[in-house]
């Protein structure tokens, strides 16, 4: 497995990136908050899973559902999906994530 990295300054940048690179994405996307990082792992070769892009920031985000407004670059925690003109992110904090552990080791070794 090969992991490529794209680091951003803040969580809003990751959310904007994910909305921009996948404009036809589902209205709800999952991102991880794990070991001090908030990130998404994107398969670059979906069939083999050999190449993965880790889009991340060194910022922790609490688990939950977040509404993101691309026009204002703001997010807020919400209880449910209410608006079709917004994008939503489910932030999860896994207890263990071996793929993320490998990717984070690559980040921290550089």
N, C-alpha and C. Protein backbone atom coordinates (compact mmCIF):
# COMPACT_ATOMS: atom_id res chain seq x y z
N UNK A 1 0.83 -1.17 0.00
CA UNK A 1 0.00 0.00 0.00
C UNK A 1 0.88 1.25 0.00
N UNK A 2 0.51 2.20 -0.81
CA UNK A 2 1.22 3.48 -0.87
C UNK A 2 0.26 4.58 -0.45
N UNK A 3 0.70 5.43 0.48
CA UNK A 3 -0.13 6.53 0.96
C UNK A 3 0.51 7.85 0.54
N UNK A 4 -0.28 8.69 -0.10
CA UNK A 4 0.12 10.06 -0.40
C UNK A 4 -0.60 10.96 0.58
N UNK A 5 -0.03 12.13 0.83
CA UNK A 5 -0.56 13.01 1.87
C UNK A 5 -0.85 14.39 1.33
N UNK A 6 -1.90 15.00 1.87
CA UNK A 6 -2.19 16.39 1.60
C UNK A 6 -2.59 17.00 2.93
N UNK A 7 -1.73 17.89 3.46
CA UNK A 7 -1.98 18.49 4.77
C UNK A 7 -2.64 19.84 4.62
N UNK A 8 -3.62 20.09 5.48
CA UNK A 8 -4.32 21.36 5.50
C UNK A 8 -4.17 22.02 6.85
N UNK A 9 -4.43 23.31 6.88
CA UNK A 9 -4.29 24.11 8.10
C UNK A 9 -5.39 23.83 9.12
N UNK A 10 -6.62 23.64 8.63
CA UNK A 10 -7.75 23.49 9.56
C UNK A 10 -8.81 22.55 9.00
N UNK A 11 -9.72 22.14 9.86
CA UNK A 11 -10.78 21.19 9.52
C UNK A 11 -11.65 21.72 8.38
N UNK A 12 -11.97 23.01 8.39
CA UNK A 12 -12.80 23.59 7.33
C UNK A 12 -12.19 23.37 5.95
N UNK A 13 -10.86 23.40 5.88
CA UNK A 13 -10.19 23.17 4.60
C UNK A 13 -10.40 21.75 4.10
N UNK A 14 -10.38 20.79 5.01
CA UNK A 14 -10.62 19.39 4.63
C UNK A 14 -12.05 19.22 4.14
N UNK A 15 -12.99 19.81 4.84
CA UNK A 15 -14.39 19.71 4.43
C UNK A 15 -14.60 20.34 3.06
N UNK A 16 -14.02 21.52 2.83
CA UNK A 16 -14.13 22.19 1.53
C UNK A 16 -13.49 21.34 0.44
N UNK A 17 -12.35 20.76 0.73
CA UNK A 17 -11.66 19.91 -0.24
C UNK A 17 -12.54 18.73 -0.64
N UNK A 18 -13.11 18.06 0.36
CA UNK A 18 -13.93 16.88 0.07
C UNK A 18 -15.18 17.25 -0.72
N UNK A 19 -15.77 18.39 -0.43
CA UNK A 19 -16.94 18.84 -1.20
C UNK A 19 -16.52 19.18 -2.63
N UNK A 20 -15.35 19.79 -2.80
CA UNK A 20 -14.88 20.22 -4.12
C UNK A 20 -14.44 19.06 -5.00
N UNK A 21 -13.73 18.08 -4.44
CA UNK A 21 -13.22 16.99 -5.28
C UNK A 21 -14.29 15.97 -5.61
N UNK A 22 -15.35 15.98 -4.84
CA UNK A 22 -16.45 15.04 -5.10
C UNK A 22 -17.77 15.79 -5.06
N UNK A 23 -17.99 16.70 -6.03
CA UNK A 23 -19.20 17.51 -5.98
C UNK A 23 -20.49 16.70 -6.05
N UNK A 24 -20.40 15.51 -6.58
CA UNK A 24 -21.59 14.67 -6.66
C UNK A 24 -21.63 13.66 -5.52
N UNK A 25 -20.87 13.95 -4.45
CA UNK A 25 -20.81 13.02 -3.33
C UNK A 25 -22.17 12.92 -2.64
N UNK A 26 -22.27 11.92 -1.83
CA UNK A 26 -23.46 11.82 -1.00
C UNK A 26 -23.52 13.06 -0.13
N UNK A 27 -24.67 13.34 0.37
CA UNK A 27 -24.82 14.52 1.21
C UNK A 27 -24.11 14.34 2.54
N UNK A 28 -23.83 13.10 2.91
CA UNK A 28 -23.16 12.81 4.19
C UNK A 28 -21.87 12.04 3.92
N UNK A 29 -20.77 12.53 4.46
CA UNK A 29 -19.46 11.88 4.29
C UNK A 29 -18.87 11.64 5.68
N UNK A 30 -18.17 10.53 5.81
CA UNK A 30 -17.52 10.21 7.09
C UNK A 30 -16.07 10.67 7.06
N UNK A 31 -15.64 11.32 8.15
CA UNK A 31 -14.23 11.63 8.34
C UNK A 31 -13.83 11.13 9.73
N UNK A 32 -12.55 10.92 9.92
CA UNK A 32 -12.03 10.37 11.17
C UNK A 32 -11.34 11.43 12.01
N UNK A 33 -11.47 11.28 13.31
CA UNK A 33 -10.70 12.08 14.25
C UNK A 33 -10.00 11.05 15.14
N UNK A 34 -8.66 10.99 15.00
CA UNK A 34 -7.92 9.88 15.59
C UNK A 34 -6.50 10.32 15.88
N UNK A 35 -6.06 10.10 17.10
CA UNK A 35 -4.68 10.39 17.51
C UNK A 35 -4.23 11.81 17.19
N UNK A 36 -5.11 12.78 17.40
CA UNK A 36 -4.75 14.18 17.18
C UNK A 36 -4.88 14.66 15.75
N UNK A 37 -5.39 13.84 14.86
CA UNK A 37 -5.57 14.20 13.46
C UNK A 37 -7.04 14.09 13.10
N UNK A 38 -7.50 14.95 12.20
CA UNK A 38 -8.80 14.79 11.56
C UNK A 38 -8.49 14.57 10.09
N UNK A 39 -9.07 13.51 9.50
CA UNK A 39 -8.66 13.13 8.15
C UNK A 39 -9.71 12.30 7.42
N UNK A 40 -9.48 12.19 6.12
CA UNK A 40 -10.25 11.27 5.27
C UNK A 40 -9.22 10.47 4.48
N UNK A 41 -9.49 9.19 4.34
CA UNK A 41 -8.66 8.32 3.52
C UNK A 41 -9.41 8.06 2.22
N UNK A 42 -8.82 8.49 1.11
CA UNK A 42 -9.48 8.41 -0.19
C UNK A 42 -8.72 7.42 -1.08
N UNK A 43 -9.37 6.35 -1.50
CA UNK A 43 -8.68 5.41 -2.40
C UNK A 43 -8.49 6.04 -3.78
N UNK A 44 -7.24 6.08 -4.23
CA UNK A 44 -6.94 6.62 -5.56
C UNK A 44 -7.07 5.56 -6.63
N UNK A 45 -6.94 4.33 -6.22
CA UNK A 45 -7.17 3.20 -7.12
C UNK A 45 -8.21 2.30 -6.45
N UNK A 46 -9.49 2.63 -6.66
CA UNK A 46 -10.57 1.97 -5.92
C UNK A 46 -10.61 0.45 -6.07
N UNK A 47 -10.23 -0.07 -7.21
CA UNK A 47 -10.32 -1.51 -7.41
C UNK A 47 -9.26 -2.28 -6.63
N UNK A 48 -8.04 -1.77 -6.61
CA UNK A 48 -6.97 -2.49 -5.92
C UNK A 48 -6.76 -2.00 -4.49
N UNK A 49 -7.11 -0.74 -4.23
CA UNK A 49 -6.88 -0.16 -2.90
C UNK A 49 -5.41 0.04 -2.61
N UNK A 50 -4.59 -0.01 -3.65
CA UNK A 50 -3.14 0.08 -3.47
C UNK A 50 -2.65 1.49 -3.17
N UNK A 51 -3.28 2.49 -3.77
CA UNK A 51 -2.89 3.89 -3.56
C UNK A 51 -4.00 4.62 -2.82
N UNK A 52 -3.60 5.28 -1.72
CA UNK A 52 -4.56 5.99 -0.89
C UNK A 52 -4.05 7.41 -0.66
N UNK A 53 -4.96 8.37 -0.69
CA UNK A 53 -4.64 9.75 -0.36
C UNK A 53 -5.20 10.04 1.01
N UNK A 54 -4.34 10.52 1.91
CA UNK A 54 -4.79 10.93 3.24
C UNK A 54 -4.84 12.45 3.25
N UNK A 55 -6.04 13.00 3.36
CA UNK A 55 -6.26 14.43 3.45
C UNK A 55 -6.45 14.71 4.93
N UNK A 56 -5.57 15.54 5.52
CA UNK A 56 -5.60 15.65 6.98
C UNK A 56 -5.22 17.02 7.49
N UNK A 57 -5.51 17.23 8.77
CA UNK A 57 -5.03 18.37 9.53
C UNK A 57 -4.67 17.88 10.93
N UNK A 58 -3.75 18.55 11.55
CA UNK A 58 -3.34 18.18 12.91
C UNK A 58 -4.25 18.90 13.90
N UNK A 59 -5.49 18.50 13.88
CA UNK A 59 -6.50 19.11 14.73
C UNK A 59 -7.52 18.03 15.09
N UNK A 60 -7.87 17.94 16.34
CA UNK A 60 -8.84 16.96 16.81
C UNK A 60 -10.24 17.56 16.69
N UNK A 61 -11.20 16.74 16.34
CA UNK A 61 -12.59 17.17 16.26
C UNK A 61 -13.43 16.14 16.99
N UNK A 62 -14.36 16.59 17.81
CA UNK A 62 -15.17 15.66 18.58
C UNK A 62 -16.10 14.87 17.66
N UNK A 63 -16.43 13.65 18.03
CA UNK A 63 -17.34 12.85 17.21
C UNK A 63 -18.73 13.49 17.14
N UNK A 64 -19.40 13.25 16.03
CA UNK A 64 -20.77 13.75 15.87
C UNK A 64 -21.08 14.09 14.43
N UNK A 65 -22.23 14.68 14.23
CA UNK A 65 -22.69 15.10 12.92
C UNK A 65 -22.48 16.60 12.78
N UNK A 66 -21.83 17.01 11.69
CA UNK A 66 -21.51 18.41 11.47
C UNK A 66 -22.08 18.87 10.13
N UNK A 67 -22.69 20.05 10.15
CA UNK A 67 -23.21 20.67 8.94
C UNK A 67 -22.14 21.64 8.46
N UNK A 68 -21.84 21.59 7.15
CA UNK A 68 -20.80 22.45 6.59
C UNK A 68 -21.39 23.30 5.49
N UNK A 69 -21.13 24.60 5.55
CA UNK A 69 -21.57 25.54 4.53
C UNK A 69 -20.34 25.97 3.73
N UNK A 70 -20.28 25.53 2.50
CA UNK A 70 -19.12 25.83 1.65
C UNK A 70 -18.96 27.33 1.41
N UNK A 71 -20.05 28.04 1.27
CA UNK A 71 -19.95 29.47 0.95
C UNK A 71 -19.34 30.30 2.08
N UNK A 72 -19.56 29.89 3.32
CA UNK A 72 -18.99 30.64 4.45
C UNK A 72 -17.78 29.95 5.06
N UNK A 73 -17.50 28.71 4.63
CA UNK A 73 -16.39 27.91 5.16
C UNK A 73 -16.55 27.68 6.67
N UNK A 74 -17.78 27.48 7.12
CA UNK A 74 -18.06 27.26 8.54
C UNK A 74 -18.77 25.92 8.74
N UNK A 75 -18.51 25.31 9.89
CA UNK A 75 -19.24 24.09 10.24
C UNK A 75 -19.79 24.25 11.65
N UNK A 76 -20.84 23.47 11.92
CA UNK A 76 -21.41 23.46 13.26
C UNK A 76 -21.98 22.08 13.54
N UNK A 77 -21.96 21.71 14.80
CA UNK A 77 -22.49 20.42 15.21
C UNK A 77 -24.01 20.51 15.19
N UNK A 78 -24.65 19.48 14.62
CA UNK A 78 -26.11 19.45 14.53
C UNK A 78 -26.62 18.08 14.99
N UNK A 79 -27.91 18.02 15.19
CA UNK A 79 -28.54 16.77 15.65
C UNK A 79 -29.04 15.92 14.49
N UNK A 80 -29.37 16.55 13.34
CA UNK A 80 -29.85 15.78 12.19
C UNK A 80 -29.61 16.54 10.89
N UNK A 81 -29.76 15.83 9.78
CA UNK A 81 -29.59 16.40 8.44
C UNK A 81 -30.88 17.16 8.12
N UNK A 82 -30.75 18.46 7.87
CA UNK A 82 -31.94 19.27 7.67
C UNK A 82 -32.02 19.95 6.31
N UNK A 83 -30.88 20.25 5.70
CA UNK A 83 -30.90 21.09 4.50
C UNK A 83 -30.17 20.44 3.33
N UNK A 84 -30.80 20.49 2.18
CA UNK A 84 -30.21 19.91 0.98
C UNK A 84 -29.08 20.75 0.41
N UNK A 85 -29.01 22.04 0.79
CA UNK A 85 -27.97 22.91 0.26
C UNK A 85 -26.69 22.90 1.10
N UNK A 86 -26.63 22.06 2.10
CA UNK A 86 -25.45 21.93 2.96
C UNK A 86 -24.85 20.54 2.79
N UNK A 87 -23.61 20.43 3.16
CA UNK A 87 -22.95 19.12 3.19
C UNK A 87 -22.82 18.72 4.65
N UNK A 88 -22.86 17.43 4.89
CA UNK A 88 -22.80 16.93 6.26
C UNK A 88 -21.65 15.94 6.40
N UNK A 89 -21.01 16.00 7.54
CA UNK A 89 -19.90 15.11 7.84
C UNK A 89 -20.17 14.41 9.16
N UNK A 90 -20.01 13.11 9.13
CA UNK A 90 -20.07 12.33 10.37
C UNK A 90 -18.63 12.13 10.80
N UNK A 91 -18.30 12.63 11.97
CA UNK A 91 -16.95 12.50 12.50
C UNK A 91 -16.96 11.32 13.47
N UNK A 92 -16.09 10.36 13.19
CA UNK A 92 -15.97 9.20 14.06
C UNK A 92 -14.59 9.17 14.68
N UNK A 93 -14.50 8.58 15.84
CA UNK A 93 -13.22 8.41 16.53
C UNK A 93 -13.05 6.93 16.85
N UNK A 94 -12.43 6.21 15.93
CA UNK A 94 -12.27 4.78 16.16
C UNK A 94 -11.32 4.51 17.34
N UNK A 95 -11.54 3.41 17.99
CA UNK A 95 -10.65 3.01 19.08
C UNK A 95 -9.30 2.60 18.50
N UNK A 96 -9.35 1.92 17.36
CA UNK A 96 -8.13 1.49 16.67
C UNK A 96 -8.37 1.52 15.17
N UNK A 97 -7.39 2.00 14.42
CA UNK A 97 -7.49 2.08 12.97
C UNK A 97 -6.11 1.76 12.40
N UNK A 98 -5.91 0.54 11.99
CA UNK A 98 -4.57 0.11 11.55
C UNK A 98 -4.12 0.82 10.28
N UNK A 99 -5.03 1.11 9.38
CA UNK A 99 -4.68 1.84 8.16
C UNK A 99 -4.24 3.27 8.52
N UNK A 100 -4.98 3.92 9.41
CA UNK A 100 -4.60 5.27 9.85
C UNK A 100 -3.29 5.23 10.63
N UNK A 101 -3.08 4.20 11.46
CA UNK A 101 -1.83 4.08 12.20
C UNK A 101 -0.64 4.06 11.25
N UNK A 102 -0.78 3.31 10.17
CA UNK A 102 0.30 3.23 9.17
C UNK A 102 0.52 4.58 8.50
N UNK A 103 -0.56 5.25 8.13
CA UNK A 103 -0.45 6.56 7.48
C UNK A 103 0.15 7.61 8.43
N UNK A 104 -0.29 7.60 9.68
CA UNK A 104 0.23 8.56 10.66
C UNK A 104 1.70 8.31 10.92
N UNK A 105 2.10 7.06 10.95
CA UNK A 105 3.53 6.75 11.11
C UNK A 105 4.34 7.35 9.97
N UNK A 106 3.79 7.32 8.76
CA UNK A 106 4.46 7.92 7.62
C UNK A 106 4.59 9.43 7.76
N UNK A 107 3.54 10.07 8.26
CA UNK A 107 3.56 11.53 8.47
C UNK A 107 4.62 11.90 9.51
N UNK A 108 4.58 11.20 10.63
CA UNK A 108 5.44 11.56 11.75
C UNK A 108 6.91 11.18 11.54
N UNK A 109 7.16 10.30 10.59
CA UNK A 109 8.55 9.93 10.31
C UNK A 109 9.24 10.94 9.40
N UNK A 110 8.46 11.80 8.77
CA UNK A 110 9.05 12.83 7.87
C UNK A 110 9.25 14.12 8.57
